[in-house]
């Protein structure tokens, strides 16, 4: 295979400490694999800048964005844009890296030797991950079931119309049977009398079919009250059901996906550099989800909440207090509080 042939793009691994990527780069360079060496050396530089505190940790940042941010923060890092261009061509363009490119980055590397990173949030155990996976699957199953139910059966106006039809049918049934004549009791059996003599034939006038109305056989208050009830019921149905079809959507000046709004809000919190405010928001959301499971309310004192969480998680109350109520002074404490809140929710919910 020549240098001009394309190779498959390697998967993006999770970034580790700068020392790990630096060791991998030097090992690849000794083996003559300068493409891998260039890739790992650039990642060592990126992680070194983050561990030194020059750049904030951000996994969604591209190599070019990292070089631009580093050049802005450290004016003498003028070699990084060229190294970022080579990194993109090797990793995403599919070409082989050269020894000259790696040596230039090696000579310009003054950032990969950095203090070890802070301990990240405690990861959930396998049982908690399985529990979370099952909960997500159950939620998706419920949403799928709700989507399978026809929209008509979930519309309250449909059931209001059904109730109105049933009510009108019952009212008509009552009106038609309320004025029926009473039935006569059965007469006791008697001996048949002798047939009377035939009367003389007399012509009688034909008056035709009767014209009595059903409203004449029932009380006047019921007849007119039922008619007024029907009119009122029809008016209510017309008023409440006058809007037909789907709701017309208003044009909005700006539409943004939910994940972009969430990322923007997180960026604003990060820019504010107020870990106490961010921790307050995280704790309020966590307590709102935990209270129903713990059987407490918003007015419950903090000591009772701490005791309930400690009993459910079998944890020292001091640790629970630090996660839920103690002050947050810096970014490291905020990260620890976020990890502890996630762990508490996984244990309680």
C-alpha atoms as a PDB file:
ATOM      1  CA  UNK A   1       0.000   0.000   0.000  1.00  0.00           C
ATOM      2  CA  UNK A   2       1.473   3.406  -1.038  1.00  0.00           C
ATOM      3  CA  UNK A   3       1.326   6.707   0.812  1.00  0.00           C
ATOM      4  CA  UNK A   4      -1.383   7.977  -1.577  1.00  0.00           C
ATOM      5  CA  UNK A   5      -3.783   5.122  -0.815  1.00  0.00           C
ATOM      6  CA  UNK A   6      -6.603   5.890   1.595  1.00  0.00           C
ATOM      7  CA  UNK A   7      -6.860   4.096   4.916  1.00  0.00           C
ATOM      8  CA  UNK A   8     -10.019   3.807   7.016  1.00  0.00           C
ATOM      9  CA  UNK A   9     -10.545   6.568   9.577  1.00  0.00           C
ATOM     10  CA  UNK A  10      -9.850   5.194  13.080  1.00  0.00           C
ATOM     11  CA  UNK A  11     -12.573   5.510  15.705  1.00  0.00           C
ATOM     12  CA  UNK A  12     -12.331   8.443  18.098  1.00  0.00           C
ATOM     13  CA  UNK A  13     -11.130   7.026  21.465  1.00  0.00           C
ATOM     14  CA  UNK A  14     -11.861   8.577  24.846  1.00  0.00           C
ATOM     15  CA  UNK A  15      -9.090  10.996  25.823  1.00  0.00           C
ATOM     16  CA  UNK A  16      -6.944   9.989  28.778  1.00  0.00           C
ATOM     17  CA  UNK A  17      -4.193  11.828  30.666  1.00  0.00           C
ATOM     18  CA  UNK A  18      -1.540  13.653  28.644  1.00  0.00           C
ATOM     19  CA  UNK A  19       1.191  11.284  29.843  1.00  0.00           C
ATOM     20  CA  UNK A  20      -0.682   8.277  28.385  1.00  0.00           C
ATOM     21  CA  UNK A  21      -0.992   9.876  24.930  1.00  0.00           C
ATOM     22  CA  UNK A  22       2.634  11.051  25.064  1.00  0.00           C
ATOM     23  CA  UNK A  23       3.856   7.500  25.795  1.00  0.00           C
ATOM     24  CA  UNK A  24       1.695   6.134  22.957  1.00  0.00           C
ATOM     25  CA  UNK A  25       3.121   8.751  20.547  1.00  0.00           C
ATOM     26  CA  UNK A  26       6.735   7.932  21.393  1.00  0.00           C
ATOM     27  CA  UNK A  27       6.046   4.200  21.070  1.00  0.00           C
ATOM     28  CA  UNK A  28       4.418   4.694  17.641  1.00  0.00           C
ATOM     29  CA  UNK A  29       7.329   6.862  16.506  1.00  0.00           C
ATOM     30  CA  UNK A  30       9.819   4.133  17.484  1.00  0.00           C
ATOM     31  CA  UNK A  31       7.802   1.674  15.373  1.00  0.00           C
ATOM     32  CA  UNK A  32       7.777   4.043  12.405  1.00  0.00           C
ATOM     33  CA  UNK A  33       4.006   4.625  12.542  1.00  0.00           C
ATOM     34  CA  UNK A  34       4.200   8.421  12.306  1.00  0.00           C
ATOM     35  CA  UNK A  35       0.487   8.797  11.550  1.00  0.00           C
ATOM     36  CA  UNK A  36      -0.443   7.314  14.926  1.00  0.00           C
ATOM     37  CA  UNK A  37       2.460   9.149  16.562  1.00  0.00           C
ATOM     38  CA  UNK A  38       1.234  12.505  15.205  1.00  0.00           C
ATOM     39  CA  UNK A  39      -2.313  11.792  16.318  1.00  0.00           C
ATOM     40  CA  UNK A  40      -1.336  10.779  19.855  1.00  0.00           C
ATOM     41  CA  UNK A  41       1.179  13.658  20.224  1.00  0.00           C
ATOM     42  CA  UNK A  42      -1.456  16.232  19.310  1.00  0.00           C
ATOM     43  CA  UNK A  43      -3.842  14.676  21.805  1.00  0.00           C
ATOM     44  CA  UNK A  44      -1.103  14.788  24.445  1.00  0.00           C
ATOM     45  CA  UNK A  45      -0.677  18.514  23.743  1.00  0.00           C
ATOM     46  CA  UNK A  46      -4.451  19.071  23.989  1.00  0.00           C
ATOM     47  CA  UNK A  47      -4.762  17.179  27.272  1.00  0.00           C
ATOM     48  CA  UNK A  48      -1.654  18.941  28.640  1.00  0.00           C
ATOM     49  CA  UNK A  49      -3.223  22.343  27.970  1.00  0.00           C
ATOM     50  CA  UNK A  50      -6.397  21.210  29.729  1.00  0.00           C
ATOM     51  CA  UNK A  51      -4.522  19.746  32.714  1.00  0.00           C
ATOM     52  CA  UNK A  52      -2.491  22.953  33.057  1.00  0.00           C
ATOM     53  CA  UNK A  53      -5.730  24.938  33.180  1.00  0.00           C
ATOM     54  CA  UNK A  54      -4.947  26.877  29.979  1.00  0.00           C
ATOM     55  CA  UNK A  55      -8.010  25.417  28.200  1.00  0.00           C
ATOM     56  CA  UNK A  56     -11.292  24.230  29.654  1.00  0.00           C
ATOM     57  CA  UNK A  57     -12.095  20.544  29.205  1.00  0.00           C
ATOM     58  CA  UNK A  58     -14.421  20.171  26.213  1.00  0.00           C
ATOM     59  CA  UNK A  59     -14.724  16.945  24.227  1.00  0.00           C
ATOM     60  CA  UNK A  60     -16.716  18.438  21.331  1.00  0.00           C
ATOM     61  CA  UNK A  61     -13.893  20.814  20.311  1.00  0.00           C
ATOM     62  CA  UNK A  62     -12.154  20.087  16.984  1.00  0.00           C
ATOM     63  CA  UNK A  63      -8.410  20.127  16.443  1.00  0.00           C
ATOM     64  CA  UNK A  64      -8.574  23.476  14.626  1.00  0.00           C
ATOM     65  CA  UNK A  65     -10.695  24.996  17.428  1.00  0.00           C
ATOM     66  CA  UNK A  66      -8.194  23.682  19.986  1.00  0.00           C
ATOM     67  CA  UNK A  67      -5.303  25.284  18.097  1.00  0.00           C
ATOM     68  CA  UNK A  68      -7.138  28.619  17.798  1.00  0.00           C
ATOM     69  CA  UNK A  69      -8.042  28.623  21.507  1.00  0.00           C
ATOM     70  CA  UNK A  70      -4.471  27.693  22.491  1.00  0.00           C
ATOM     71  CA  UNK A  71      -3.009  30.427  20.254  1.00  0.00           C
ATOM     72  CA  UNK A  72      -5.336  32.958  21.877  1.00  0.00           C
ATOM     73  CA  UNK A  73      -4.430  31.825  25.407  1.00  0.00           C
ATOM     74  CA  UNK A  74      -0.706  31.236  24.736  1.00  0.00           C
ATOM     75  CA  UNK A  75       0.597  33.611  22.020  1.00  0.00           C
ATOM     76  CA  UNK A  76       3.855  31.659  21.511  1.00  0.00           C
ATOM     77  CA  UNK A  77       1.956  28.449  20.442  1.00  0.00           C
ATOM     78  CA  UNK A  78       2.196  29.468  16.780  1.00  0.00           C
ATOM     79  CA  UNK A  79       3.059  25.940  15.579  1.00  0.00           C
ATOM     80  CA  UNK A  80      -0.259  24.403  16.694  1.00  0.00           C
ATOM     81  CA  UNK A  81      -2.439  25.569  13.716  1.00  0.00           C
ATOM     82  CA  UNK A  82      -0.085  23.806  11.274  1.00  0.00           C
ATOM     83  CA  UNK A  83      -0.075  20.690  13.491  1.00  0.00           C
ATOM     84  CA  UNK A  84      -3.896  20.804  13.660  1.00  0.00           C
ATOM     85  CA  UNK A  85      -4.052  20.860   9.846  1.00  0.00           C
ATOM     86  CA  UNK A  86      -1.788  17.792   9.642  1.00  0.00           C
ATOM     87  CA  UNK A  87      -3.836  16.098  12.392  1.00  0.00           C
ATOM     88  CA  UNK A  88      -7.090  16.572  10.407  1.00  0.00           C
ATOM     89  CA  UNK A  89      -5.515  15.258   7.185  1.00  0.00           C
ATOM     90  CA  UNK A  90      -4.113  12.160   8.909  1.00  0.00           C
ATOM     91  CA  UNK A  91      -7.086  11.311  11.155  1.00  0.00           C
ATOM     92  CA  UNK A  92      -9.994  12.386   8.950  1.00  0.00           C
ATOM     93  CA  UNK A  93      -8.383  12.711   5.511  1.00  0.00           C
ATOM     94  CA  UNK A  94      -7.017   9.147   5.584  1.00  0.00           C
ATOM     95  CA  UNK A  95      -3.415   9.885   4.531  1.00  0.00           C
ATOM     96  CA  UNK A  96      -0.214   8.721   6.219  1.00  0.00           C
ATOM     97  CA  UNK A  97       1.714  11.038   8.467  1.00  0.00           C
ATOM     98  CA  UNK A  98       5.359  11.807   7.776  1.00  0.00           C
ATOM     99  CA  UNK A  99       8.302  11.851  10.135  1.00  0.00           C
ATOM    100  CA  UNK A 100       8.956  15.530   9.381  1.00  0.00           C
ATOM    101  CA  UNK A 101       5.455  16.494  10.536  1.00  0.00           C
ATOM    102  CA  UNK A 102       5.856  14.531  13.755  1.00  0.00           C
ATOM    103  CA  UNK A 103       9.313  15.990  14.469  1.00  0.00           C
ATOM    104  CA  UNK A 104       8.007  19.552  13.995  1.00  0.00           C
ATOM    105  CA  UNK A 105       5.211  18.886  16.485  1.00  0.00           C
ATOM    106  CA  UNK A 106       7.679  17.174  18.839  1.00  0.00           C
ATOM    107  CA  UNK A 107       9.983  20.222  18.816  1.00  0.00           C
ATOM    108  CA  UNK A 108       7.046  22.590  19.382  1.00  0.00           C
ATOM    109  CA  UNK A 109       5.553  20.476  22.206  1.00  0.00           C
ATOM    110  CA  UNK A 110       5.994  22.328  25.485  1.00  0.00           C
ATOM    111  CA  UNK A 111       2.620  21.450  26.978  1.00  0.00           C
ATOM    112  CA  UNK A 112       2.218  17.655  27.188  1.00  0.00           C
ATOM    113  CA  UNK A 113       4.245  17.473  30.422  1.00  0.00           C
ATOM    114  CA  UNK A 114       1.537  18.600  32.828  1.00  0.00           C
ATOM    115  CA  UNK A 115       0.277  17.698  36.300  1.00  0.00           C
ATOM    116  CA  UNK A 116      -2.041  14.694  36.423  1.00  0.00           C
ATOM    117  CA  UNK A 117      -5.739  15.440  35.831  1.00  0.00           C
ATOM    118  CA  UNK A 118      -8.202  15.719  38.655  1.00  0.00           C
ATOM    119  CA  UNK A 119     -10.208  12.620  39.453  1.00  0.00           C
ATOM    120  CA  UNK A 120     -13.339  12.591  37.313  1.00  0.00           C
ATOM    121  CA  UNK A 121     -16.816  11.773  38.574  1.00  0.00           C
ATOM    122  CA  UNK A 122     -17.236   8.349  40.053  1.00  0.00           C
ATOM    123  CA  UNK A 123     -18.651   6.081  37.375  1.00  0.00           C
ATOM    124  CA  UNK A 124     -21.719   4.007  38.094  1.00  0.00           C
ATOM    125  CA  UNK A 125     -21.282   0.323  38.733  1.00  0.00           C
ATOM    126  CA  UNK A 126     -22.445  -2.281  36.267  1.00  0.00           C
ATOM    127  CA  UNK A 127     -25.642  -2.938  38.227  1.00  0.00           C
ATOM    128  CA  UNK A 128     -26.563   0.756  38.177  1.00  0.00           C
ATOM    129  CA  UNK A 129     -25.833   0.984  34.464  1.00  0.00           C
ATOM    130  CA  UNK A 130     -28.042  -2.029  33.844  1.00  0.00           C
ATOM    131  CA  UNK A 131     -30.753  -0.456  36.002  1.00  0.00           C
ATOM    132  CA  UNK A 132     -30.548   2.792  34.054  1.00  0.00           C
ATOM    133  CA  UNK A 133     -30.610   0.919  30.737  1.00  0.00           C
ATOM    134  CA  UNK A 134     -33.738  -0.970  31.793  1.00  0.00           C
ATOM    135  CA  UNK A 135     -35.408   2.270  32.870  1.00  0.00           C
ATOM    136  CA  UNK A 136     -34.634   3.893  29.504  1.00  0.00           C
ATOM    137  CA  UNK A 137     -35.972   0.844  27.643  1.00  0.00           C
ATOM    138  CA  UNK A 138     -39.154   0.856  29.732  1.00  0.00           C
ATOM    139  CA  UNK A 139     -39.662   4.559  29.024  1.00  0.00           C
ATOM    140  CA  UNK A 140     -39.197   3.992  25.291  1.00  0.00           C
ATOM    141  CA  UNK A 141     -41.682   1.098  25.428  1.00  0.00           C
ATOM    142  CA  UNK A 142     -44.265   3.344  27.119  1.00  0.00           C
ATOM    143  CA  UNK A 143     -43.734   6.055  24.521  1.00  0.00           C
ATOM    144  CA  UNK A 144     -44.060   3.466  21.727  1.00  0.00           C
ATOM    145  CA  UNK A 145     -47.341   2.225  23.246  1.00  0.00           C
ATOM    146  CA  UNK A 146     -48.674   5.771  23.451  1.00  0.00           C
ATOM    147  CA  UNK A 147     -47.772   6.353  19.804  1.00  0.00           C
ATOM    148  CA  UNK A 148     -49.588   3.164  18.778  1.00  0.00           C
ATOM    149  CA  UNK A 149     -52.865   4.371  20.336  1.00  0.00           C
ATOM    150  CA  UNK A 150     -54.840   6.279  17.647  1.00  0.00           C
ATOM    151  CA  UNK A 151     -54.903  10.023  18.083  1.00  0.00           C
ATOM    152  CA  UNK A 152     -58.697   9.983  17.930  1.00  0.00           C
ATOM    153  CA  UNK A 153     -58.941   7.891  21.123  1.00  0.00           C
ATOM    154  CA  UNK A 154     -56.702  10.360  22.968  1.00  0.00           C
ATOM    155  CA  UNK A 155     -58.805  13.375  22.016  1.00  0.00           C
ATOM    156  CA  UNK A 156     -61.161  14.496  24.799  1.00  0.00           C
ATOM    157  CA  UNK A 157     -63.558  16.017  22.271  1.00  0.00           C
ATOM    158  CA  UNK A 158     -64.207  12.572  20.781  1.00  0.00           C
ATOM    159  CA  UNK A 159     -65.226  11.190  24.178  1.00  0.00           C
ATOM    160  CA  UNK A 160     -67.319  14.321  24.863  1.00  0.00           C
ATOM    161  CA  UNK A 161     -69.197  13.704  21.598  1.00  0.00           C
ATOM    162  CA  UNK A 162     -69.724  10.020  22.527  1.00  0.00           C
ATOM    163  CA  UNK A 163     -71.079  11.041  25.950  1.00  0.00           C
ATOM    164  CA  UNK A 164     -73.392  13.586  24.281  1.00  0.00           C
ATOM    165  CA  UNK A 165     -74.799  10.975  21.881  1.00  0.00           C
ATOM    166  CA  UNK A 166     -75.396   8.540  24.743  1.00  0.00           C
ATOM    167  CA  UNK A 167     -77.075  11.263  26.808  1.00  0.00           C
ATOM    168  CA  UNK A 168     -79.356  12.298  23.930  1.00  0.00           C
ATOM    169  CA  UNK A 169     -80.275   8.647  23.309  1.00  0.00           C
ATOM    170  CA  UNK A 170     -81.183   8.133  26.967  1.00  0.00           C
ATOM    171  CA  UNK A 171     -83.249  11.337  26.962  1.00  0.00           C
ATOM    172  CA  UNK A 172     -85.174  10.251  23.849  1.00  0.00           C
ATOM    173  CA  UNK A 173     -85.781   6.824  25.399  1.00  0.00           C
ATOM    174  CA  UNK A 174     -87.173   8.435  28.571  1.00  0.00           C
ATOM    175  CA  UNK A 175     -89.390  10.829  26.598  1.00  0.00           C
ATOM    176  CA  UNK A 176     -90.835   8.079  24.413  1.00  0.00           C
ATOM    177  CA  UNK A 177     -91.582   5.688  27.290  1.00  0.00           C
ATOM    178  CA  UNK A 178     -92.637   8.064  30.042  1.00  0.00           C
ATOM    179  CA  UNK A 179     -96.078   8.868  28.544  1.00  0.00           C
ATOM    180  CA  UNK A 180     -97.086   5.306  27.607  1.00  0.00           C
ATOM    181  CA  UNK A 181    -100.562   4.269  28.940  1.00  0.00           C
ATOM    182  CA  UNK A 182    -100.578   1.942  31.956  1.00  0.00           C
ATOM    183  CA  UNK A 183    -101.151  -1.726  31.211  1.00  0.00           C
ATOM    184  CA  UNK A 184    -104.414  -3.281  32.481  1.00  0.00           C
ATOM    185  CA  UNK A 185    -104.270  -6.175  34.922  1.00  0.00           C
ATOM    186  CA  UNK A 186    -105.215  -9.616  33.660  1.00  0.00           C
ATOM    187  CA  UNK A 187    -108.916 -10.406  34.206  1.00  0.00           C
ATOM    188  CA  UNK A 188    -109.824 -13.609  35.992  1.00  0.00           C
ATOM    189  CA  UNK A 189    -111.124 -16.364  33.694  1.00  0.00           C
ATOM    190  CA  UNK A 190    -114.902 -16.501  33.381  1.00  0.00           C
ATOM    191  CA  UNK A 191    -117.310 -18.722  31.601  1.00  0.00           C
ATOM    192  CA  UNK A 192    -117.944 -17.435  28.133  1.00  0.00           C
ATOM    193  CA  UNK A 193    -121.369 -15.823  27.981  1.00  0.00           C
ATOM    194  CA  UNK A 194    -123.837 -16.735  25.388  1.00  0.00           C
ATOM    195  CA  UNK A 195    -123.410 -14.732  22.265  1.00  0.00           C
ATOM    196  CA  UNK A 196    -125.637 -11.664  22.237  1.00  0.00           C
ATOM    197  CA  UNK A 197    -127.905 -11.042  19.414  1.00  0.00           C
ATOM    198  CA  UNK A 198    -126.397  -9.242  16.477  1.00  0.00           C
ATOM    199  CA  UNK A 199    -127.089  -5.531  16.638  1.00  0.00           C
ATOM    200  CA  UNK A 200    -128.446  -3.832  13.642  1.00  0.00           C
ATOM    201  CA  UNK A 201    -125.859  -2.348  11.295  1.00  0.00           C
ATOM    202  CA  UNK A 202    -125.326   1.360  11.936  1.00  0.00           C
ATOM    203  CA  UNK A 203    -123.061   3.440   9.771  1.00  0.00           C
ATOM    204  CA  UNK A 204    -120.376   5.374  11.781  1.00  0.00           C
ATOM    205  CA  UNK A 205    -118.255   8.241  10.500  1.00  0.00           C
ATOM    206  CA  UNK A 206    -114.512   7.597   9.837  1.00  0.00           C
ATOM    207  CA  UNK A 207    -112.440  10.066  11.903  1.00  0.00           C
ATOM    208  CA  UNK A 208    -109.032   8.835  10.548  1.00  0.00           C
ATOM    209  CA  UNK A 209    -105.749   8.384  12.519  1.00  0.00           C
ATOM    210  CA  UNK A 210    -105.289  10.084  15.893  1.00  0.00           C
ATOM    211  CA  UNK A 211    -103.307  13.335  16.138  1.00  0.00           C
ATOM    212  CA  UNK A 212    -102.346  13.289  19.838  1.00  0.00           C
ATOM    213  CA  UNK A 213     -98.689  14.378  20.435  1.00  0.00           C
ATOM    214  CA  UNK A 214     -96.307  12.656  22.831  1.00  0.00           C
ATOM    215  CA  UNK A 215     -95.900  15.981  24.648  1.00  0.00           C
ATOM    216  CA  UNK A 216     -99.617  15.940  25.495  1.00  0.00           C
ATOM    217  CA  UNK A 217     -99.286  12.664  27.461  1.00  0.00           C
ATOM    218  CA  UNK A 218     -96.594  13.912  29.880  1.00  0.00           C
ATOM    219  CA  UNK A 219     -96.321  16.830  32.307  1.00  0.00           C
ATOM    220  CA  UNK A 220     -95.732  20.188  30.686  1.00  0.00           C
ATOM    221  CA  UNK A 221     -92.698  20.978  32.843  1.00  0.00           C
ATOM    222  CA  UNK A 222     -90.948  17.782  31.714  1.00  0.00           C
ATOM    223  CA  UNK A 223     -91.692  18.297  28.026  1.00  0.00           C
ATOM    224  CA  UNK A 224     -90.513  21.902  27.866  1.00  0.00           C
ATOM    225  CA  UNK A 225     -87.628  21.317  30.291  1.00  0.00           C
ATOM    226  CA  UNK A 226     -86.324  18.427  28.172  1.00  0.00           C
ATOM    227  CA  UNK A 227     -86.545  20.521  25.015  1.00  0.00           C
ATOM    228  CA  UNK A 228     -84.601  23.357  26.644  1.00  0.00           C
ATOM    229  CA  UNK A 229     -81.996  20.879  27.928  1.00  0.00           C
ATOM    230  CA  UNK A 230     -81.479  19.541  24.385  1.00  0.00           C
ATOM    231  CA  UNK A 231     -81.056  23.054  23.028  1.00  0.00           C
ATOM    232  CA  UNK A 232     -78.548  23.959  25.774  1.00  0.00           C
ATOM    233  CA  UNK A 233     -76.598  20.711  25.275  1.00  0.00           C
ATOM    234  CA  UNK A 234     -76.395  21.270  21.504  1.00  0.00           C
ATOM    235  CA  UNK A 235     -75.168  24.840  22.124  1.00  0.00           C
ATOM    236  CA  UNK A 236     -72.426  23.638  24.504  1.00  0.00           C
ATOM    237  CA  UNK A 237     -71.268  20.992  22.018  1.00  0.00           C
ATOM    238  CA  UNK A 238     -71.116  23.537  19.205  1.00  0.00           C
ATOM    239  CA  UNK A 239     -69.222  26.005  21.417  1.00  0.00           C
ATOM    240  CA  UNK A 240     -66.649  23.516  22.708  1.00  0.00           C
ATOM    241  CA  UNK A 241     -66.223  21.615  19.449  1.00  0.00           C
ATOM    242  CA  UNK A 242     -66.130  24.520  17.028  1.00  0.00           C
ATOM    243  CA  UNK A 243     -62.393  24.073  16.441  1.00  0.00           C
ATOM    244  CA  UNK A 244     -61.805  21.078  14.185  1.00  0.00           C
ATOM    245  CA  UNK A 245     -58.576  19.512  12.990  1.00  0.00           C
ATOM    246  CA  UNK A 246     -55.031  19.886  14.279  1.00  0.00           C
ATOM    247  CA  UNK A 247     -53.894  22.995  16.117  1.00  0.00           C
ATOM    248  CA  UNK A 248     -52.445  25.569  13.733  1.00  0.00           C
ATOM    249  CA  UNK A 249     -48.820  26.177  14.574  1.00  0.00           C
ATOM    250  CA  UNK A 250     -47.704  29.786  14.884  1.00  0.00           C
ATOM    251  CA  UNK A 251     -44.545  30.774  12.978  1.00  0.00           C
ATOM    252  CA  UNK A 252     -41.719  31.429  15.405  1.00  0.00           C
ATOM    253  CA  UNK A 253     -38.927  33.956  14.757  1.00  0.00           C
ATOM    254  CA  UNK A 254     -36.234  31.467  15.814  1.00  0.00           C
ATOM    255  CA  UNK A 255     -36.359  27.684  16.226  1.00  0.00           C
ATOM    256  CA  UNK A 256     -33.511  25.943  18.033  1.00  0.00           C
ATOM    257  CA  UNK A 257     -33.160  22.226  18.906  1.00  0.00           C
ATOM    258  CA  UNK A 258     -33.383  21.354  22.580  1.00  0.00           C
ATOM    259  CA  UNK A 259     -29.807  20.051  22.770  1.00  0.00           C
ATOM    260  CA  UNK A 260     -28.466  23.356  21.405  1.00  0.00           C
ATOM    261  CA  UNK A 261     -30.436  25.300  24.016  1.00  0.00           C
ATOM    262  CA  UNK A 262     -29.068  23.003  26.733  1.00  0.00           C
ATOM    263  CA  UNK A 263     -25.518  23.421  25.448  1.00  0.00           C
ATOM    264  CA  UNK A 264     -25.965  27.192  25.328  1.00  0.00           C
ATOM    265  CA  UNK A 265     -27.278  27.299  28.873  1.00  0.00           C
ATOM    266  CA  UNK A 266     -24.326  25.186  30.037  1.00  0.00           C
ATOM    267  CA  UNK A 267     -21.966  27.591  28.257  1.00  0.00           C
ATOM    268  CA  UNK A 268     -23.523  30.568  30.022  1.00  0.00           C
ATOM    269  CA  UNK A 269     -23.153  28.827  33.395  1.00  0.00           C
ATOM    270  CA  UNK A 270     -19.504  28.063  32.604  1.00  0.00           C
ATOM    271  CA  UNK A 271     -18.834  31.637  31.514  1.00  0.00           C
ATOM    272  CA  UNK A 272     -20.404  33.041  34.691  1.00  0.00           C
ATOM    273  CA  UNK A 273     -17.743  31.265  36.799  1.00  0.00           C
ATOM    274  CA  UNK A 274     -20.225  31.017  39.668  1.00  0.00           C
ATOM    275  CA  UNK A 275     -20.035  27.390  40.887  1.00  0.00           C
ATOM    276  CA  UNK A 276     -22.341  28.117  43.843  1.00  0.00           C
ATOM    277  CA  UNK A 277     -25.180  29.206  41.523  1.00  0.00           C
ATOM    278  CA  UNK A 278     -24.697  26.183  39.238  1.00  0.00           C
ATOM    279  CA  UNK A 279     -24.631  23.840  42.237  1.00  0.00           C
ATOM    280  CA  UNK A 280     -27.869  25.398  43.525  1.00  0.00           C
ATOM    281  CA  UNK A 281     -29.580  24.656  40.208  1.00  0.00           C
ATOM    282  CA  UNK A 282     -28.283  21.058  40.148  1.00  0.00           C
ATOM    283  CA  UNK A 283     -29.311  20.439  43.765  1.00  0.00           C
ATOM    284  CA  UNK A 284     -32.791  21.902  43.254  1.00  0.00           C
ATOM    285  CA  UNK A 285     -33.399  19.631  40.252  1.00  0.00           C
ATOM    286  CA  UNK A 286     -32.064  16.567  42.090  1.00  0.00           C
ATOM    287  CA  UNK A 287     -34.186  17.234  45.201  1.00  0.00           C
ATOM    288  CA  UNK A 288     -37.278  17.744  43.045  1.00  0.00           C
ATOM    289  CA  UNK A 289     -36.791  14.241  41.632  1.00  0.00           C
ATOM    290  CA  UNK A 290     -35.826  12.669  44.983  1.00  0.00           C
ATOM    291  CA  UNK A 291     -38.640  14.003  47.205  1.00  0.00           C
ATOM    292  CA  UNK A 292     -41.439  11.705  45.901  1.00  0.00           C
ATOM    293  CA  UNK A 293     -39.237   8.625  46.386  1.00  0.00           C
ATOM    294  CA  UNK A 294     -38.156   9.709  49.890  1.00  0.00           C
ATOM    295  CA  UNK A 295     -41.655  10.724  51.010  1.00  0.00           C
ATOM    296  CA  UNK A 296     -40.662  14.297  51.903  1.00  0.00           C
ATOM    297  CA  UNK A 297     -41.845  17.713  50.750  1.00  0.00           C
ATOM    298  CA  UNK A 298     -40.218  21.042  49.960  1.00  0.00           C
ATOM    299  CA  UNK A 299     -40.946  22.224  53.510  1.00  0.00           C
ATOM    300  CA  UNK A 300     -39.157  19.245  55.123  1.00  0.00           C
ATOM    301  CA  UNK A 301     -36.096  20.377  57.158  1.00  0.00           C
ATOM    302  CA  UNK A 302     -32.667  19.646  55.735  1.00  0.00           C
ATOM    303  CA  UNK A 303     -31.747  17.318  58.596  1.00  0.00           C
ATOM    304  CA  UNK A 304     -34.691  15.024  57.854  1.00  0.00           C
ATOM    305  CA  UNK A 305     -33.863  14.981  54.145  1.00  0.00           C
ATOM    306  CA  UNK A 306     -30.224  14.107  54.917  1.00  0.00           C
ATOM    307  CA  UNK A 307     -31.339  11.320  57.262  1.00  0.00           C
ATOM    308  CA  UNK A 308     -33.719   9.874  54.643  1.00  0.00           C
ATOM    309  CA  UNK A 309     -31.059   9.912  51.890  1.00  0.00           C
ATOM    310  CA  UNK A 310     -28.441   8.442  54.236  1.00  0.00           C
ATOM    311  CA  UNK A 311     -30.801   5.613  55.225  1.00  0.00           C
ATOM    312  CA  UNK A 312     -31.629   4.789  51.611  1.00  0.00           C
ATOM    313  CA  UNK A 313     -28.018   4.888  50.338  1.00  0.00           C
ATOM    314  CA  UNK A 314     -26.276   3.609  53.515  1.00  0.00           C
ATOM    315  CA  UNK A 315     -23.899   6.587  53.335  1.00  0.00           C
ATOM    316  CA  UNK A 316     -22.349   8.830  55.955  1.00  0.00           C
ATOM    317  CA  UNK A 317     -24.693  11.807  56.610  1.00  0.00           C
ATOM    318  CA  UNK A 318     -21.714  14.159  56.308  1.00  0.00           C
ATOM    319  CA  UNK A 319     -21.182  13.058  52.689  1.00  0.00           C
ATOM    320  CA  UNK A 320     -24.878  13.565  51.920  1.00  0.00           C
ATOM    321  CA  UNK A 321     -24.804  17.016  53.541  1.00  0.00           C
ATOM    322  CA  UNK A 322     -21.764  18.002  51.452  1.00  0.00           C
ATOM    323  CA  UNK A 323     -23.542  16.896  48.276  1.00  0.00           C
ATOM    324  CA  UNK A 324     -26.883  18.577  49.008  1.00  0.00           C
ATOM    325  CA  UNK A 325     -26.258  21.654  51.181  1.00  0.00           C
ATOM    326  CA  UNK A 326     -22.590  22.595  51.806  1.00  0.00           C
ATOM    327  CA  UNK A 327     -21.080  25.633  49.979  1.00  0.00           C
ATOM    328  CA  UNK A 328     -19.300  25.130  46.655  1.00  0.00           C
ATOM    329  CA  UNK A 329     -16.164  27.238  46.370  1.00  0.00           C
ATOM    330  CA  UNK A 330     -14.518  26.217  43.085  1.00  0.00           C
ATOM    331  CA  UNK A 331     -14.911  24.228  39.869  1.00  0.00           C
ATOM    332  CA  UNK A 332     -13.416  21.049  41.316  1.00  0.00           C
ATOM    333  CA  UNK A 333     -15.888  21.017  44.194  1.00  0.00           C
ATOM    334  CA  UNK A 334     -18.731  21.585  41.691  1.00  0.00           C
ATOM    335  CA  UNK A 335     -17.664  18.548  39.654  1.00  0.00           C
ATOM    336  CA  UNK A 336     -17.524  16.425  42.810  1.00  0.00           C
ATOM    337  CA  UNK A 337     -21.004  17.610  43.886  1.00  0.00           C
ATOM    338  CA  UNK A 338     -22.415  16.809  40.413  1.00  0.00           C
ATOM    339  CA  UNK A 339     -20.973  13.296  40.579  1.00  0.00           C
ATOM    340  CA  UNK A 340     -22.332  12.739  44.096  1.00  0.00           C
ATOM    341  CA  UNK A 341     -25.822  13.937  43.076  1.00  0.00           C
ATOM    342  CA  UNK A 342     -25.816  11.529  40.140  1.00  0.00           C
ATOM    343  CA  UNK A 343     -24.777   8.679  42.428  1.00  0.00           C
ATOM    344  CA  UNK A 344     -27.472   9.526  45.021  1.00  0.00           C
ATOM    345  CA  UNK A 345     -30.199   9.584  42.343  1.00  0.00           C
ATOM    346  CA  UNK A 346     -29.014   6.245  40.974  1.00  0.00           C
ATOM    347  CA  UNK A 347     -29.222   4.708  44.450  1.00  0.00           C
ATOM    348  CA  UNK A 348     -32.574   6.183  45.499  1.00  0.00           C
ATOM    349  CA  UNK A 349     -34.600   6.138  42.263  1.00  0.00           C
END
